[in-house]
Amino acid sequence: MNTHQLEIFFYVAKYLSVSKAANHLFISQPAVSSQIKKLENTYGVKLIEKNGRGIRLTYTGEQLYEVIHHFFTTTIVDIESLLKNSRYIKISGNYLMTQFIVPEILGKADKLSESEKLVVKSMSSFSAMDELKRDYCDLVLVSSSEVIIPQLEFTVTELFTDEIILMSRSSIGSEIASIIVSKSKKEIRDLVVKNYEYIAGIPLTVVDSTQDAIANIRINKDCATFVSARFLKYFDDEFNYISTGVKSRFYAIYRKGTSKNKSIQMIINRLKEGF
C-alpha cells in the first residue's frame, strides 16, 4: 500500500481538482495525475473520471475517500503532534537524498537506539529548509544549488560534490523538445549553454521538485531534465545523458544546540562514510 498515492488521491477527492491538489502538495499536475493512475492500475479500479471540464469521483473513489478521510484529517495530525514531541529523528530533504541515498546507506548501518528512530520525508529543498526553520524536522539534506543555506543558527556539513547532468529517455540532442527542471535548477541551463549552444533554443518548463521533473520525463520521452549524476546509479538502464560540467555540493544541515545533535551527527557520519 503506497500511502503517498493515497494522500494525493485524498486531496484530489477533497478539492475535486488535480490542479488544487497539486498546489496544496507543492508538486506538479502531471505528477499528481501519474500517481493517481498508478494507484488505479495497481488495484485495477477507476477512482476519478472526467465531468465536463472538471472531474468527479467514481463510486469506488467515493468509498475510498470516506475510508481515508479520518486518517488524513485527524489521525495524521495526531501523528505529527506525537513525532514533534518524541525522540524520533525527522529528516526532510530532496528526492535523491531521501528516496535513494538515505535508504541505501542507513539501511545497511546499525540501527539507532530503540528510542531514536528515523522518519524521512521527501520534498523540494526549499520546503525542507522551511520545515527546519519551523522546527518541523531535525535534519535536512539538500544541494547548494537549490537553496541559500543560513550559517548562524545552523550547523552545515558538506556530504559530497556531484556533477549535474542532462538526462532523458530519448537521445540527447535534436530529439529533445522540452527541458523540465525543478525551480531550483532553472538557472543551470544558462551555464550549460556555453558548452551546448542548441540547449538555448529548447523550451524550459519549471516544476516544484526533481521528483516532479523525473515523473514528467518518464511520461514524456522527448523531454529532459537537469539532475545529479548520482541518479544514474538508479536509472542508468532507463535514461540517456550528457555531462554538463556544472558541479553541485550536497549538505546536511541541522539546528545548533538541540538534544538530538549527537544522534544527528551519528547519522551524518554514516552518510559521509557511505559516499
Protein backbone atom coordinates (compact mmCIF):
# COMPACT_ATOMS: atom_id res chain seq x y z
CA MET A 1 0.00 0.00 0.00
CA ASN A 2 1.53 3.32 -1.14
CA THR A 3 0.36 5.93 1.41
CA HIS A 4 1.85 8.76 -0.68
CA GLN A 5 -0.51 7.86 -3.53
CA LEU A 6 -3.41 7.71 -1.07
CA GLU A 7 -2.52 11.19 0.21
CA ILE A 8 -2.50 12.54 -3.34
CA PHE A 9 -5.87 10.91 -4.04
CA PHE A 10 -7.28 12.33 -0.78
CA TYR A 11 -6.55 15.92 -1.85
CA VAL A 12 -7.77 15.36 -5.40
CA ALA A 13 -11.01 13.99 -3.93
CA LYS A 14 -11.23 16.77 -1.35
CA TYR A 15 -10.88 19.57 -3.90
CA LEU A 16 -12.28 17.65 -6.91
CA SER A 17 -9.38 19.23 -8.75
CA VAL A 18 -5.99 17.96 -9.85
CA SER A 19 -4.58 21.50 -10.01
CA LYS A 20 -5.72 22.42 -6.47
CA ALA A 21 -4.33 19.16 -5.10
CA ALA A 22 -1.02 19.83 -6.85
CA ASN A 23 -0.84 23.34 -5.37
CA HIS A 24 -1.60 22.05 -1.88
CA LEU A 25 1.05 19.31 -2.10
CA PHE A 26 3.64 21.51 -3.87
CA ILE A 27 4.00 19.09 -6.79
CA SER A 28 3.14 19.37 -10.48
CA GLN A 29 -0.20 18.45 -12.01
CA PRO A 30 1.36 15.72 -14.22
CA ALA A 31 2.92 14.18 -11.10
CA VAL A 32 -0.49 14.12 -9.38
CA SER A 33 -2.16 12.54 -12.40
CA SER A 34 0.65 9.99 -12.73
CA GLN A 35 0.36 8.86 -9.10
CA ILE A 36 -3.44 8.57 -9.31
CA LYS A 37 -3.08 6.46 -12.45
CA LYS A 38 -0.51 4.21 -10.72
CA LEU A 39 -2.88 3.74 -7.76
CA GLU A 40 -5.72 2.81 -10.11
CA ASN A 41 -3.55 0.43 -12.12
CA THR A 42 -2.20 -1.29 -9.01
CA TYR A 43 -5.68 -2.36 -7.91
CA GLY A 44 -7.44 -2.41 -11.25
CA VAL A 45 -10.00 0.25 -10.29
CA LYS A 46 -11.20 3.62 -11.55
CA LEU A 47 -11.24 6.32 -8.87
CA ILE A 48 -11.86 9.55 -10.79
CA GLU A 49 -13.41 10.38 -14.14
CA LYS A 50 -13.99 13.45 -16.28
CA ASN A 51 -17.07 15.55 -15.61
CA GLY A 52 -17.32 18.22 -18.27
CA ARG A 53 -14.26 20.40 -17.76
CA GLY A 54 -13.77 19.06 -14.24
CA ILE A 55 -13.60 15.66 -12.54
CA ARG A 56 -15.77 13.60 -10.22
CA LEU A 57 -15.27 10.55 -8.04
CA THR A 58 -16.44 7.16 -9.17
CA TYR A 59 -18.44 5.01 -6.74
CA THR A 60 -15.20 3.28 -5.68
CA GLY A 61 -13.49 6.65 -5.39
CA GLU A 62 -16.22 7.95 -3.07
CA GLN A 63 -15.92 4.86 -0.87
CA LEU A 64 -12.14 5.17 -0.68
CA TYR A 65 -12.38 8.87 0.19
CA GLU A 66 -14.76 8.07 3.08
CA VAL A 67 -12.38 5.38 4.40
CA ILE A 68 -9.23 7.55 4.37
CA HIS A 69 -10.86 10.88 5.29
CA HIS A 70 -10.46 10.43 9.05
CA PHE A 71 -6.83 9.39 8.70
CA PHE A 72 -5.73 12.44 6.72
CA THR A 73 -7.82 14.95 8.67
CA THR A 74 -7.40 13.67 12.23
CA THR A 75 -5.01 10.74 12.64
CA ILE A 76 -2.18 12.31 10.65
CA VAL A 77 -2.43 15.46 12.83
CA ASP A 78 -2.11 13.32 15.96
CA ILE A 79 0.89 11.54 14.44
CA GLU A 80 2.60 14.85 13.65
CA SER A 81 1.99 16.04 17.21
CA LEU A 82 3.42 12.81 18.62
CA LEU A 83 6.54 12.93 16.48
CA LYS A 84 7.25 16.58 17.23
CA ASN A 85 7.47 15.66 20.90
CA SER A 86 9.30 12.35 20.54
CA ARG A 87 12.91 11.30 20.18
CA TYR A 88 12.38 10.34 16.56
CA ILE A 89 14.91 11.92 14.21
CA LYS A 90 12.90 13.62 11.48
CA ILE A 91 14.78 14.03 8.18
CA SER A 92 13.48 16.17 5.31
CA GLY A 93 15.27 16.58 2.02
CA ASN A 94 15.35 16.43 -1.72
CA TYR A 95 14.30 13.44 -3.80
CA LEU A 96 17.76 11.95 -4.38
CA MET A 97 18.82 12.06 -0.75
CA THR A 98 15.62 10.87 0.93
CA GLN A 99 14.39 8.31 -1.60
CA PHE A 100 17.68 6.72 -2.64
CA ILE A 101 20.84 7.63 -0.73
CA VAL A 102 19.44 7.60 2.83
CA PRO A 103 17.72 4.19 2.46
CA GLU A 104 20.77 2.73 0.73
CA ILE A 105 23.34 3.89 3.28
CA LEU A 106 21.43 3.99 6.56
CA GLY A 107 19.57 0.81 5.71
CA LYS A 108 22.90 -1.03 5.82
CA ALA A 109 24.09 0.66 9.01
CA ASP A 110 23.46 -0.44 12.59
CA LYS A 111 20.15 0.85 13.89
CA LEU A 112 19.88 3.75 16.28
CA SER A 113 18.73 3.06 19.80
CA GLU A 114 15.16 1.86 20.17
CA SER A 115 14.07 5.35 21.25
CA GLU A 116 15.74 7.10 18.28
CA LYS A 117 14.17 6.01 15.00
CA LEU A 118 14.12 7.83 11.68
CA VAL A 119 11.19 9.48 9.91
CA VAL A 120 12.22 10.50 6.37
CA LYS A 121 10.15 12.86 4.19
CA SER A 122 10.81 13.78 0.55
CA MET A 123 10.06 17.30 -0.70
CA SER A 124 11.64 20.22 -2.51
CA SER A 125 14.76 21.59 -0.86
CA PHE A 126 13.00 24.92 -0.32
CA SER A 127 10.22 23.17 1.61
CA ALA A 128 12.77 21.14 3.59
CA MET A 129 14.60 24.28 4.71
CA ASP A 130 11.29 25.85 5.66
CA GLU A 131 10.49 22.79 7.82
CA LEU A 132 13.86 23.08 9.56
CA LYS A 133 13.32 26.79 10.28
CA ARG A 134 9.90 25.99 11.75
CA ASP A 135 11.34 23.07 13.79
CA TYR A 136 9.15 20.58 11.92
CA CYS A 137 12.22 18.44 11.25
CA ASP A 138 15.63 17.88 12.81
CA LEU A 139 17.87 17.44 9.77
CA VAL A 140 17.68 18.48 6.12
CA LEU A 141 19.67 17.06 3.19
CA VAL A 142 19.88 19.46 0.25
CA SER A 143 22.04 20.69 -2.61
CA SER A 144 23.80 24.06 -2.52
CA SER A 145 22.45 24.86 -5.99
CA GLU A 146 18.92 24.66 -4.61
CA VAL A 147 18.74 26.86 -1.51
CA ILE A 148 20.51 29.65 0.33
CA ILE A 149 22.00 27.99 3.40
CA PRO A 150 21.88 30.06 6.62
CA GLN A 151 25.05 29.83 8.70
CA LEU A 152 24.46 31.44 12.10
CA GLU A 153 21.87 29.22 13.83
CA PHE A 154 22.57 26.03 11.88
CA THR A 155 25.43 23.58 11.55
CA VAL A 156 26.25 22.89 7.89
CA THR A 157 28.24 19.79 6.85
CA GLU A 158 29.26 19.06 3.25
CA LEU A 159 28.50 15.46 2.30
CA PHE A 160 29.71 15.18 -1.29
CA THR A 161 30.18 17.02 -4.58
CA ASP A 162 28.49 15.79 -7.73
CA GLU A 163 28.11 16.81 -11.36
CA ILE A 164 24.84 17.96 -12.90
CA ILE A 165 23.79 16.01 -15.99
CA LEU A 166 21.09 16.46 -18.64
CA MET A 167 19.01 13.28 -18.59
CA SER A 168 16.25 11.97 -20.87
CA ARG A 169 14.61 8.74 -22.01
CA SER A 170 15.33 9.89 -25.56
CA SER A 171 18.69 10.53 -27.22
CA ILE A 172 20.11 13.85 -26.08
CA GLY A 173 20.13 16.31 -28.98
CA SER A 174 17.67 17.21 -31.71
CA GLU A 175 15.04 14.80 -30.32
CA ILE A 176 14.63 16.86 -27.11
CA ALA A 177 11.56 19.11 -27.41
CA SER A 178 11.49 20.49 -23.86
CA ILE A 179 13.60 20.68 -20.71
CA ILE A 180 11.66 20.19 -17.45
CA VAL A 181 13.50 21.23 -14.29
CA SER A 182 12.87 21.84 -10.62
CA LYS A 183 12.60 25.55 -9.81
CA SER A 184 15.94 25.37 -8.04
CA LYS A 185 17.75 24.30 -11.21
CA LYS A 186 16.19 26.68 -13.73
CA GLU A 187 19.40 28.78 -13.87
CA ILE A 188 21.57 25.80 -14.82
CA ARG A 189 20.58 25.99 -18.49
CA ASP A 190 22.37 29.36 -18.78
CA LEU A 191 25.57 27.73 -17.52
CA VAL A 192 25.24 24.70 -19.80
CA VAL A 193 24.67 26.76 -22.97
CA LYS A 194 28.39 27.62 -23.01
CA ASN A 195 29.17 24.01 -23.97
CA TYR A 196 25.91 23.07 -25.72
CA GLU A 197 24.53 26.04 -27.67
CA TYR A 198 21.50 24.13 -29.00
CA ILE A 199 20.09 23.91 -25.46
CA ALA A 200 19.37 27.66 -25.54
CA GLY A 201 16.61 27.09 -28.08
CA ILE A 202 14.81 24.33 -26.16
CA PRO A 203 11.73 25.50 -24.19
CA LEU A 204 12.08 25.34 -20.40
CA THR A 205 9.28 24.20 -18.07
CA VAL A 206 9.75 24.73 -14.32
CA VAL A 207 8.19 22.38 -11.73
CA ASP A 208 8.46 22.31 -7.95
CA SER A 209 10.93 19.48 -7.36
CA THR A 210 13.28 17.00 -9.01
CA GLN A 211 10.77 14.25 -8.25
CA ASP A 212 8.21 16.11 -10.36
CA ALA A 213 10.75 16.64 -13.15
CA ILE A 214 11.64 12.96 -13.32
CA ALA A 215 7.95 11.97 -13.23
CA ASN A 216 7.40 14.26 -16.22
CA ILE A 217 10.29 12.98 -18.35
CA ARG A 218 9.25 9.40 -17.67
CA ILE A 219 5.89 10.22 -19.23
CA ASN A 220 7.22 12.49 -21.98
CA LYS A 221 10.02 10.72 -23.83
CA ASP A 222 11.09 13.81 -25.78
CA CYS A 223 11.74 15.83 -22.60
CA ALA A 224 14.90 16.12 -20.49
CA THR A 225 15.86 17.40 -17.04
CA PHE A 226 18.92 18.50 -15.05
CA VAL A 227 19.75 16.21 -12.13
CA SER A 228 22.66 14.98 -10.06
CA ALA A 229 24.78 12.33 -11.79
CA ARG A 230 24.16 10.02 -8.84
CA PHE A 231 20.72 9.35 -10.27
CA LEU A 232 22.41 7.25 -12.96
CA LYS A 233 23.13 4.63 -10.33
CA TYR A 234 19.41 4.08 -10.02
CA PHE A 235 18.15 4.93 -13.53
CA ASP A 236 21.04 4.15 -15.91
CA ASP A 237 19.09 1.47 -17.79
CA GLU A 238 16.20 3.86 -18.38
CA PHE A 239 17.81 7.15 -19.39
CA ASN A 240 20.42 8.67 -21.69
CA TYR A 241 22.50 11.62 -20.52
CA ILE A 242 25.26 14.13 -21.21
CA SER A 243 27.62 15.72 -18.67
CA THR A 244 27.19 19.48 -18.24
CA GLY A 245 30.39 20.36 -16.38
CA VAL A 246 28.32 22.10 -13.68
CA LYS A 247 29.08 20.98 -10.12
CA SER A 248 26.74 20.83 -7.15
CA ARG A 249 27.52 20.30 -3.46
CA PHE A 250 25.23 18.39 -1.12
CA TYR A 251 24.89 19.36 2.53
CA ALA A 252 23.43 18.14 5.80
CA ILE A 253 22.00 20.99 7.90
CA TYR A 254 20.64 20.99 11.44
CA ARG A 255 19.92 23.47 14.20
CA LYS A 256 22.65 24.08 16.77
CA GLY A 257 22.26 23.20 20.42
CA THR A 258 19.42 20.66 20.39
CA SER A 259 19.19 17.48 22.45
CA LYS A 260 19.23 15.38 19.27
CA ASN A 261 22.51 16.71 17.89
CA LYS A 262 24.56 13.68 18.98
CA SER A 263 22.25 11.31 17.09
CA ILE A 264 22.11 13.66 14.11
CA GLN A 265 25.90 13.79 13.92
CA MET A 266 25.98 9.99 14.02
CA ILE A 267 23.65 9.91 11.01
CA ILE A 268 25.78 12.44 9.14
CA ASN A 269 28.95 10.44 9.82
CA ARG A 270 27.30 7.30 8.44
CA LEU A 271 26.22 9.14 5.34
CA LYS A 272 29.71 10.53 4.75
CA GLU A 273 31.24 7.08 5.22
CA GLY A 274 28.73 5.67 2.72
CA PHE A 275 29.85 8.05 0.00
